[in-house]
């Protein structure tokens, strides 16, 4: 079996009118069954990288493989194999959670029975079972984030890509999301995960990569990255060491 869930080689991307490349020769690997944290300051290229893996953006050069499939030639197959949790809530606010999941499940050609069974399990696991008949527009921020995750998992993907899944949520929702993602990973699934919460990444991720200006800066386990630098006690210290303290807007 292919040991890599994601293999990126020398990816380059520059947007029309951009001052500098969004990706400038980015290369990285994500092993199957691992939780990989993709970290970097604003504008580092994280979202562009994710969008290329999902087929939303085309690279100017380089190669990206997802579960052994080429992102240029086999993107439709890739989309059926992965789950994506975007930073924006990708649900219809005027529909209930059940109605959202029924619609999304049908896009994956799931039967109503499968949708109901899978959604019920995920709603219960992520603390939303009592709110399944409420319109998503009435949900709190944390509830919307959890519902966003459920929508990405109805077709039971083996690779889950999350872009800031806990942005703006309360402590309880964050803890529940962390627990769920850990369980999902322990079943053999792979996670690629971006976050600005470095304490979260330090606890959750098996490995992290730090990118800046579209390039890979450093990679490794959080423990090794911390221990390899003097006077670093947290992943945040490592991050600031490599990316500096200047504010990125």
Protein backbone atom coordinates (compact mmCIF):
# COMPACT_ATOMS: atom_id res chain seq x y z
CA UNK A 1 0.00 0.00 0.00
CA UNK A 2 1.11 3.53 -0.74
CA UNK A 3 2.62 4.80 2.54
CA UNK A 4 2.01 8.47 1.75
CA UNK A 5 -1.41 10.06 1.93
CA UNK A 6 -0.11 13.30 0.40
CA UNK A 7 3.08 13.90 -1.59
CA UNK A 8 3.83 17.43 -2.78
CA UNK A 9 6.87 18.14 -4.95
CA UNK A 10 8.10 21.61 -5.92
CA UNK A 11 4.64 23.21 -6.09
CA UNK A 12 4.58 26.74 -7.49
CA UNK A 13 1.70 29.17 -7.75
CA UNK A 14 1.54 32.89 -8.41
CA UNK A 15 -1.78 34.70 -8.64
CA UNK A 16 -2.34 37.37 -11.26
CA UNK A 17 -1.42 40.71 -9.71
CA UNK A 18 0.33 39.11 -6.74
CA UNK A 19 3.48 40.70 -5.39
CA UNK A 20 5.15 37.37 -4.83
CA UNK A 21 4.39 33.68 -5.36
CA UNK A 22 1.82 32.09 -3.07
CA UNK A 23 3.83 28.86 -3.38
CA UNK A 24 7.50 28.93 -4.34
CA UNK A 25 8.70 25.36 -4.70
CA UNK A 26 6.83 23.82 -1.76
CA UNK A 27 7.56 20.15 -1.08
CA UNK A 28 6.19 18.05 1.78
CA UNK A 29 4.88 14.60 2.63
CA UNK A 30 2.06 13.38 4.86
CA UNK A 31 2.21 9.73 5.90
CA UNK A 32 -0.94 7.65 6.08
CA UNK A 33 -2.47 7.35 9.52
CA UNK A 34 -0.82 10.52 10.85
CA UNK A 35 -2.08 13.92 11.93
CA UNK A 36 0.03 16.54 10.16
CA UNK A 37 -0.14 20.18 11.16
CA UNK A 38 0.39 22.66 8.31
CA UNK A 39 1.48 25.83 10.08
CA UNK A 40 2.53 29.27 8.92
CA UNK A 41 1.77 32.97 9.27
CA UNK A 42 -0.90 34.73 7.24
CA UNK A 43 -0.01 34.64 3.53
CA UNK A 44 2.42 31.73 3.92
CA UNK A 45 0.63 29.62 1.30
CA UNK A 46 -1.32 27.18 3.48
CA UNK A 47 -4.75 27.74 1.95
CA UNK A 48 -3.35 27.77 -1.60
CA UNK A 49 -1.75 24.41 -0.88
CA UNK A 50 -5.05 22.99 0.39
CA UNK A 51 -6.95 24.41 -2.57
CA UNK A 52 -4.57 22.69 -4.98
CA UNK A 53 -5.03 19.37 -3.18
CA UNK A 54 -8.81 19.79 -3.46
CA UNK A 55 -8.75 20.84 -7.10
CA UNK A 56 -10.01 24.36 -6.47
CA UNK A 57 -6.77 25.93 -7.74
CA UNK A 58 -4.31 24.70 -10.38
CA UNK A 59 -0.59 24.82 -9.67
CA UNK A 60 1.66 26.63 -12.13
CA UNK A 61 4.32 23.95 -11.73
CA UNK A 62 5.19 20.94 -9.61
CA UNK A 63 3.23 17.85 -8.68
CA UNK A 64 0.77 16.88 -5.94
CA UNK A 65 -0.44 13.34 -5.23
CA UNK A 66 -3.33 12.57 -2.88
CA UNK A 67 -3.82 8.93 -1.89
CA UNK A 68 -1.67 8.04 -4.89
CA UNK A 69 -3.82 10.06 -7.32
CA UNK A 70 -2.52 12.99 -9.35
CA UNK A 71 -4.19 16.33 -8.59
CA UNK A 72 -3.91 17.44 -12.21
CA UNK A 73 -5.31 14.33 -13.85
CA UNK A 74 -7.47 12.55 -11.26
CA UNK A 75 -9.10 15.30 -9.23
CA UNK A 76 -12.64 13.90 -9.54
CA UNK A 77 -11.47 10.63 -8.02
CA UNK A 78 -9.60 12.51 -5.29
CA UNK A 79 -12.70 14.50 -4.37
CA UNK A 80 -14.60 11.28 -3.77
CA UNK A 81 -11.88 9.97 -1.43
CA UNK A 82 -11.21 12.99 0.80
CA UNK A 83 -13.19 15.10 3.24
CA UNK A 84 -12.60 18.84 3.37
CA UNK A 85 -13.56 21.18 6.20
CA UNK A 86 -13.10 24.74 4.91
CA UNK A 87 -12.54 27.72 7.16
CA UNK A 88 -15.87 29.15 6.00
CA UNK A 89 -19.03 27.32 7.06
CA UNK A 90 -20.10 25.30 4.00
CA UNK A 91 -23.71 24.74 5.05
CA UNK A 92 -27.08 26.28 4.17
CA UNK A 93 -28.07 28.45 7.12
CA UNK A 94 -31.81 28.30 6.29
CA UNK A 95 -31.84 24.47 6.38
CA UNK A 96 -31.74 22.19 9.39
CA UNK A 97 -28.70 20.02 10.05
CA UNK A 98 -30.65 16.95 8.81
CA UNK A 99 -31.63 18.75 5.61
CA UNK A 100 -28.04 19.89 5.00
CA UNK A 101 -26.66 16.40 5.50
CA UNK A 102 -29.34 14.82 3.32
CA UNK A 103 -28.48 17.19 0.48
CA UNK A 104 -24.71 16.74 0.86
CA UNK A 105 -25.01 12.96 1.19
CA UNK A 106 -26.94 12.75 -2.07
CA UNK A 107 -24.12 14.63 -3.81
CA UNK A 108 -21.94 11.62 -2.88
CA UNK A 109 -24.65 9.23 -4.17
CA UNK A 110 -25.35 7.90 -0.69
CA UNK A 111 -28.66 6.25 0.05
CA UNK A 112 -31.05 7.95 2.48
CA UNK A 113 -30.55 5.04 4.85
CA UNK A 114 -26.76 5.46 4.84
CA UNK A 115 -27.06 9.23 5.26
CA UNK A 116 -29.41 8.85 8.21
CA UNK A 117 -27.27 6.19 9.90
CA UNK A 118 -23.95 8.02 9.44
CA UNK A 119 -25.31 11.47 10.27
CA UNK A 120 -27.02 10.18 13.43
CA UNK A 121 -23.75 8.67 14.68
CA UNK A 122 -21.76 11.83 13.94
CA UNK A 123 -24.40 14.14 15.41
CA UNK A 124 -24.32 12.14 18.63
CA UNK A 125 -20.50 12.00 18.73
CA UNK A 126 -20.16 15.75 18.19
CA UNK A 127 -22.87 16.75 20.62
CA UNK A 128 -25.49 17.92 18.12
CA UNK A 129 -28.09 15.14 18.26
CA UNK A 130 -30.55 17.32 20.18
CA UNK A 131 -30.19 20.12 17.63
CA UNK A 132 -30.47 18.18 14.37
CA UNK A 133 -33.89 19.63 13.53
CA UNK A 134 -32.84 23.24 14.12
CA UNK A 135 -31.84 25.54 11.29
CA UNK A 136 -28.07 25.90 11.10
CA UNK A 137 -28.46 29.68 11.06
CA UNK A 138 -29.57 29.45 14.69
CA UNK A 139 -26.48 27.52 15.76
CA UNK A 140 -23.70 29.02 17.84
CA UNK A 141 -20.25 29.34 16.28
CA UNK A 142 -19.04 26.13 17.91
CA UNK A 143 -22.11 24.19 16.77
CA UNK A 144 -21.61 25.37 13.19
CA UNK A 145 -17.98 24.28 13.26
CA UNK A 146 -18.97 20.82 14.47
CA UNK A 147 -21.73 20.53 11.87
CA UNK A 148 -19.19 21.58 9.21
CA UNK A 149 -17.02 18.63 10.21
CA UNK A 150 -19.95 16.20 10.05
CA UNK A 151 -20.76 17.31 6.51
CA UNK A 152 -17.24 16.41 5.39
CA UNK A 153 -17.41 12.87 6.82
CA UNK A 154 -20.71 11.48 5.52
CA UNK A 155 -18.97 9.57 2.70
CA UNK A 156 -16.42 8.12 5.18
CA UNK A 157 -13.19 9.50 3.69
CA UNK A 158 -9.81 8.13 4.73
CA UNK A 159 -8.18 11.57 4.51
CA UNK A 160 -9.60 14.65 6.21
CA UNK A 161 -8.30 18.13 5.39
CA UNK A 162 -9.22 20.87 7.87
CA UNK A 163 -8.57 24.60 7.49
CA UNK A 164 -8.79 26.33 10.89
CA UNK A 165 -11.55 24.02 12.21
CA UNK A 166 -11.60 25.59 15.69
CA UNK A 167 -11.39 29.27 14.74
CA UNK A 168 -13.58 31.34 17.04
CA UNK A 169 -15.06 28.46 19.04
CA UNK A 170 -15.45 28.09 22.80
CA UNK A 171 -13.19 25.92 24.92
CA UNK A 172 -15.76 23.13 25.25
CA UNK A 173 -16.35 22.87 21.50
CA UNK A 174 -12.63 22.88 20.86
CA UNK A 175 -12.09 20.04 23.34
CA UNK A 176 -14.90 18.02 21.75
CA UNK A 177 -13.47 18.55 18.26
CA UNK A 178 -10.00 17.52 19.46
CA UNK A 179 -11.37 14.34 21.04
CA UNK A 180 -13.28 13.46 17.90
CA UNK A 181 -10.32 14.04 15.59
CA UNK A 182 -8.09 11.89 17.81
CA UNK A 183 -10.62 9.05 17.65
CA UNK A 184 -10.98 9.44 13.88
CA UNK A 185 -7.21 9.25 13.47
CA UNK A 186 -6.86 6.22 15.75
CA UNK A 187 -9.10 4.30 13.33
CA UNK A 188 -6.33 4.58 10.73
CA UNK A 189 -7.44 7.78 9.02
CA UNK A 190 -5.13 10.63 8.03
CA UNK A 191 -5.57 14.31 8.89
CA UNK A 192 -3.99 17.41 7.38
CA UNK A 193 -4.75 20.30 9.63
CA UNK A 194 -4.06 24.04 9.64
CA UNK A 195 -4.39 26.18 12.73
CA UNK A 196 -3.14 29.38 14.30
CA UNK A 197 -3.59 27.74 17.72
CA UNK A 198 -0.05 26.44 18.17
CA UNK A 199 -0.78 24.90 21.57
CA UNK A 200 -3.50 22.91 19.81
CA UNK A 201 -1.12 21.74 17.09
CA UNK A 202 1.51 20.81 19.67
CA UNK A 203 -0.94 18.54 21.48
CA UNK A 204 -2.85 17.09 18.54
CA UNK A 205 -0.33 16.60 15.72
CA UNK A 206 2.09 13.71 15.21
CA UNK A 207 4.17 15.96 12.94
CA UNK A 208 4.10 19.58 11.85
CA UNK A 209 5.49 21.51 8.91
CA UNK A 210 6.09 25.25 9.11
CA UNK A 211 5.81 27.09 5.82
CA UNK A 212 6.52 30.73 5.00
CA UNK A 213 6.60 32.69 1.75
CA UNK A 214 5.42 29.58 -0.07
CA UNK A 215 8.34 27.39 1.03
CA UNK A 216 8.88 24.65 3.58
CA UNK A 217 10.90 26.08 6.47
CA UNK A 218 11.15 23.13 8.85
CA UNK A 219 9.32 19.89 9.66
CA UNK A 220 9.32 17.26 12.39
CA UNK A 221 7.52 16.13 15.49
CA UNK A 222 6.61 18.94 17.89
CA UNK A 223 8.84 17.39 20.54
CA UNK A 224 11.91 17.26 18.26
CA UNK A 225 11.41 20.77 16.92
CA UNK A 226 11.20 22.13 20.45
CA UNK A 227 14.18 20.16 21.77
CA UNK A 228 16.40 21.03 18.79
CA UNK A 229 16.33 24.76 19.51
CA UNK A 230 17.85 26.33 22.64
CA UNK A 231 15.49 28.35 24.84
CA UNK A 232 12.39 26.92 23.15
CA UNK A 233 9.83 25.38 25.47
CA UNK A 234 6.72 25.43 23.27
CA UNK A 235 5.85 25.03 19.61
CA UNK A 236 4.99 28.73 19.58
CA UNK A 237 8.64 29.51 20.40
CA UNK A 238 9.75 27.38 17.44
CA UNK A 239 7.23 29.08 15.16
CA UNK A 240 8.44 32.57 16.12
CA UNK A 241 12.07 31.50 15.78
CA UNK A 242 11.58 30.52 12.13
CA UNK A 243 8.97 33.07 11.02
CA UNK A 244 9.93 36.10 13.12
CA UNK A 245 7.81 38.41 15.23
CA UNK A 246 6.73 40.88 12.55
CA UNK A 247 2.94 41.12 12.23
CA UNK A 248 1.52 39.58 9.04
CA UNK A 249 -1.66 41.20 7.70
